[in-house]
């Protein structure tokens, strides 16, 4: 599957061992990750400023993501599509990335359920979907 991982999932994966970490590993092994520069910037900034990860560790994690993901430039999305304008950069990756799924914990995105044919689901729902497939 072609999968967009939102910044909140990637940050949680880097910060703790748990479901988001397992979802990232699953994506590295079995799926095609799609990410944009805006998401990269958000991950780097929040890892260092909010989670207090050392800059060098954050840089290593971002480098790993760059090697594991396809970097896509988002297209413009109508601001009325989503209640949080910061989420438009995530939705803007769907069409150019031919994404099938957005994995996020963001309620502003989850409430949409889908966008341009891409399902929007929680890390738990994505994990469970993958457990039912061989």
C-alpha atoms as a PDB file:
ATOM      1  CA  UNK A   1       0.000   0.000   0.000  1.00  0.00           C
ATOM      2  CA  UNK A   2       1.018   3.608  -0.536  1.00  0.00           C
ATOM      3  CA  UNK A   3       0.848   5.148   2.942  1.00  0.00           C
ATOM      4  CA  UNK A   4       1.147   8.688   4.274  1.00  0.00           C
ATOM      5  CA  UNK A   5       2.328   8.791   7.875  1.00  0.00           C
ATOM      6  CA  UNK A   6       1.349  11.984   9.679  1.00  0.00           C
ATOM      7  CA  UNK A   7       3.939  13.773  11.797  1.00  0.00           C
ATOM      8  CA  UNK A   8       2.269  12.789  15.071  1.00  0.00           C
ATOM      9  CA  UNK A   9       2.679   9.082  14.296  1.00  0.00           C
ATOM     10  CA  UNK A  10       6.305   9.470  13.199  1.00  0.00           C
ATOM     11  CA  UNK A  11       7.102  11.502  16.324  1.00  0.00           C
ATOM     12  CA  UNK A  12       5.491   8.955  18.631  1.00  0.00           C
ATOM     13  CA  UNK A  13       7.410   6.189  16.837  1.00  0.00           C
ATOM     14  CA  UNK A  14      10.705   7.976  17.453  1.00  0.00           C
ATOM     15  CA  UNK A  15       9.938   8.910  21.045  1.00  0.00           C
ATOM     16  CA  UNK A  16       8.607   5.632  22.475  1.00  0.00           C
ATOM     17  CA  UNK A  17       8.386   1.938  21.829  1.00  0.00           C
ATOM     18  CA  UNK A  18       4.812   0.955  21.173  1.00  0.00           C
ATOM     19  CA  UNK A  19       2.110   0.891  18.549  1.00  0.00           C
ATOM     20  CA  UNK A  20       3.370   3.815  16.437  1.00  0.00           C
ATOM     21  CA  UNK A  21       6.869   2.347  16.410  1.00  0.00           C
ATOM     22  CA  UNK A  22       5.404  -0.988  15.267  1.00  0.00           C
ATOM     23  CA  UNK A  23       3.362   0.778  12.565  1.00  0.00           C
ATOM     24  CA  UNK A  24       6.476   2.544  11.258  1.00  0.00           C
ATOM     25  CA  UNK A  25       8.402  -0.742  11.142  1.00  0.00           C
ATOM     26  CA  UNK A  26       5.473  -2.344   9.318  1.00  0.00           C
ATOM     27  CA  UNK A  27       5.501   0.478   6.767  1.00  0.00           C
ATOM     28  CA  UNK A  28       9.263   0.161   6.276  1.00  0.00           C
ATOM     29  CA  UNK A  29       8.932  -3.573   5.654  1.00  0.00           C
ATOM     30  CA  UNK A  30       5.686  -3.959   3.706  1.00  0.00           C
ATOM     31  CA  UNK A  31       4.460  -0.634   2.358  1.00  0.00           C
ATOM     32  CA  UNK A  32       5.502   2.405   0.348  1.00  0.00           C
ATOM     33  CA  UNK A  33       5.824   5.465   2.599  1.00  0.00           C
ATOM     34  CA  UNK A  34       4.934   8.906   1.297  1.00  0.00           C
ATOM     35  CA  UNK A  35       5.998  12.062   3.080  1.00  0.00           C
ATOM     36  CA  UNK A  36       6.348  15.770   2.347  1.00  0.00           C
ATOM     37  CA  UNK A  37       8.863  18.426   3.410  1.00  0.00           C
ATOM     38  CA  UNK A  38       6.300  20.068   5.690  1.00  0.00           C
ATOM     39  CA  UNK A  39       5.879  16.837   7.610  1.00  0.00           C
ATOM     40  CA  UNK A  40       9.675  16.391   7.811  1.00  0.00           C
ATOM     41  CA  UNK A  41      10.044  19.900   9.224  1.00  0.00           C
ATOM     42  CA  UNK A  42       7.304  19.322  11.802  1.00  0.00           C
ATOM     43  CA  UNK A  43       8.859  16.024  12.912  1.00  0.00           C
ATOM     44  CA  UNK A  44      12.307  17.547  13.314  1.00  0.00           C
ATOM     45  CA  UNK A  45      11.056  20.606  15.155  1.00  0.00           C
ATOM     46  CA  UNK A  46       8.814  18.723  17.589  1.00  0.00           C
ATOM     47  CA  UNK A  47      11.344  15.997  18.307  1.00  0.00           C
ATOM     48  CA  UNK A  48      13.908  18.587  19.388  1.00  0.00           C
ATOM     49  CA  UNK A  49      11.735  21.287  20.974  1.00  0.00           C
ATOM     50  CA  UNK A  50       8.825  19.330  22.441  1.00  0.00           C
ATOM     51  CA  UNK A  51      10.161  15.811  23.061  1.00  0.00           C
ATOM     52  CA  UNK A  52      13.704  17.076  23.843  1.00  0.00           C
ATOM     53  CA  UNK A  53      15.440  14.550  21.574  1.00  0.00           C
ATOM     54  CA  UNK A  54      19.063  15.569  20.922  1.00  0.00           C
ATOM     55  CA  UNK A  55      19.452  17.319  17.547  1.00  0.00           C
ATOM     56  CA  UNK A  56      21.837  14.641  16.242  1.00  0.00           C
ATOM     57  CA  UNK A  57      19.366  11.856  17.075  1.00  0.00           C
ATOM     58  CA  UNK A  58      16.517  13.774  15.416  1.00  0.00           C
ATOM     59  CA  UNK A  59      18.689  14.317  12.329  1.00  0.00           C
ATOM     60  CA  UNK A  60      19.479  10.584  12.156  1.00  0.00           C
ATOM     61  CA  UNK A  61      15.771   9.735  12.384  1.00  0.00           C
ATOM     62  CA  UNK A  62      14.909  12.217   9.629  1.00  0.00           C
ATOM     63  CA  UNK A  63      17.650  10.732   7.453  1.00  0.00           C
ATOM     64  CA  UNK A  64      16.177   7.259   7.984  1.00  0.00           C
ATOM     65  CA  UNK A  65      12.756   8.569   6.953  1.00  0.00           C
ATOM     66  CA  UNK A  66      14.211  10.216   3.850  1.00  0.00           C
ATOM     67  CA  UNK A  67      15.709   6.886   2.767  1.00  0.00           C
ATOM     68  CA  UNK A  68      12.561   4.906   3.549  1.00  0.00           C
ATOM     69  CA  UNK A  69       9.951   7.285   2.124  1.00  0.00           C
ATOM     70  CA  UNK A  70       9.148   8.863  -1.208  1.00  0.00           C
ATOM     71  CA  UNK A  71       9.330  12.633  -0.927  1.00  0.00           C
ATOM     72  CA  UNK A  72       6.321  14.256  -2.596  1.00  0.00           C
ATOM     73  CA  UNK A  73       5.416  17.901  -3.033  1.00  0.00           C
ATOM     74  CA  UNK A  74       1.846  18.421  -1.832  1.00  0.00           C
ATOM     75  CA  UNK A  75      -0.737  19.933  -4.112  1.00  0.00           C
ATOM     76  CA  UNK A  76      -3.033  22.744  -3.029  1.00  0.00           C
ATOM     77  CA  UNK A  77      -6.161  21.644  -1.179  1.00  0.00           C
ATOM     78  CA  UNK A  78      -9.271  23.760  -0.654  1.00  0.00           C
ATOM     79  CA  UNK A  79      -8.973  25.247   2.853  1.00  0.00           C
ATOM     80  CA  UNK A  80     -12.623  24.351   3.502  1.00  0.00           C
ATOM     81  CA  UNK A  81     -11.730  20.647   3.258  1.00  0.00           C
ATOM     82  CA  UNK A  82     -10.405  20.401   6.800  1.00  0.00           C
ATOM     83  CA  UNK A  83     -11.002  22.360   9.993  1.00  0.00           C
ATOM     84  CA  UNK A  84      -7.255  22.684  10.752  1.00  0.00           C
ATOM     85  CA  UNK A  85      -5.312  24.478   8.002  1.00  0.00           C
ATOM     86  CA  UNK A  86      -2.066  22.786   9.149  1.00  0.00           C
ATOM     87  CA  UNK A  87      -3.505  19.448   8.009  1.00  0.00           C
ATOM     88  CA  UNK A  88      -3.871  20.592   4.399  1.00  0.00           C
ATOM     89  CA  UNK A  89      -0.225  19.665   3.736  1.00  0.00           C
ATOM     90  CA  UNK A  90      -1.040  16.057   4.673  1.00  0.00           C
ATOM     91  CA  UNK A  91      -4.151  15.938   2.498  1.00  0.00           C
ATOM     92  CA  UNK A  92      -2.183  17.574  -0.329  1.00  0.00           C
ATOM     93  CA  UNK A  93       0.045  14.498  -0.557  1.00  0.00           C
ATOM     94  CA  UNK A  94      -2.812  12.116  -1.428  1.00  0.00           C
ATOM     95  CA  UNK A  95      -3.254  12.766  -5.155  1.00  0.00           C
ATOM     96  CA  UNK A  96       0.381  13.330  -6.189  1.00  0.00           C
ATOM     97  CA  UNK A  97       1.475  10.377  -4.042  1.00  0.00           C
ATOM     98  CA  UNK A  98      -1.367   8.146  -5.231  1.00  0.00           C
ATOM     99  CA  UNK A  99      -1.882   7.343  -1.542  1.00  0.00           C
ATOM    100  CA  UNK A 100      -4.276   4.682  -0.349  1.00  0.00           C
ATOM    101  CA  UNK A 101      -4.075   5.417   3.375  1.00  0.00           C
ATOM    102  CA  UNK A 102      -3.274   8.266   5.758  1.00  0.00           C
ATOM    103  CA  UNK A 103      -2.232   7.049   9.210  1.00  0.00           C
ATOM    104  CA  UNK A 104      -2.785   9.695  11.868  1.00  0.00           C
ATOM    105  CA  UNK A 105      -3.904  10.354  15.403  1.00  0.00           C
ATOM    106  CA  UNK A 106      -5.159  13.829  14.445  1.00  0.00           C
ATOM    107  CA  UNK A 107      -8.889  14.111  15.128  1.00  0.00           C
ATOM    108  CA  UNK A 108      -9.240  16.888  12.546  1.00  0.00           C
ATOM    109  CA  UNK A 109      -8.141  14.405   9.872  1.00  0.00           C
ATOM    110  CA  UNK A 110      -9.789  11.307  11.331  1.00  0.00           C
ATOM    111  CA  UNK A 111     -13.218  12.954  11.257  1.00  0.00           C
ATOM    112  CA  UNK A 112     -12.958  13.055   7.445  1.00  0.00           C
ATOM    113  CA  UNK A 113     -12.636   9.217   7.268  1.00  0.00           C
ATOM    114  CA  UNK A 114     -11.317   9.445   3.688  1.00  0.00           C
ATOM    115  CA  UNK A 115     -10.000  11.967   1.197  1.00  0.00           C
ATOM    116  CA  UNK A 116      -9.773  11.536  -2.581  1.00  0.00           C
ATOM    117  CA  UNK A 117     -10.031   7.759  -2.206  1.00  0.00           C
ATOM    118  CA  UNK A 118      -7.459   7.440   0.602  1.00  0.00           C
ATOM    119  CA  UNK A 119      -8.731   5.992   3.869  1.00  0.00           C
ATOM    120  CA  UNK A 120      -7.835   8.019   6.954  1.00  0.00           C
ATOM    121  CA  UNK A 121      -7.246   5.805   9.968  1.00  0.00           C
ATOM    122  CA  UNK A 122      -5.647   5.594  13.360  1.00  0.00           C
ATOM    123  CA  UNK A 123      -2.420   3.686  13.897  1.00  0.00           C
ATOM    124  CA  UNK A 124      -4.456   0.982  15.694  1.00  0.00           C
ATOM    125  CA  UNK A 125      -6.875   0.583  12.762  1.00  0.00           C
ATOM    126  CA  UNK A 126      -3.974   0.431  10.291  1.00  0.00           C
ATOM    127  CA  UNK A 127      -2.191  -2.163  12.435  1.00  0.00           C
ATOM    128  CA  UNK A 128      -5.331  -4.301  12.695  1.00  0.00           C
ATOM    129  CA  UNK A 129      -5.975  -4.036   8.943  1.00  0.00           C
ATOM    130  CA  UNK A 130      -2.475  -5.367   8.311  1.00  0.00           C
ATOM    131  CA  UNK A 131      -2.832  -8.200  10.806  1.00  0.00           C
ATOM    132  CA  UNK A 132      -5.796  -9.547   8.834  1.00  0.00           C
ATOM    133  CA  UNK A 133      -3.701  -9.734   5.629  1.00  0.00           C
ATOM    134  CA  UNK A 134      -1.158 -12.471   4.933  1.00  0.00           C
END
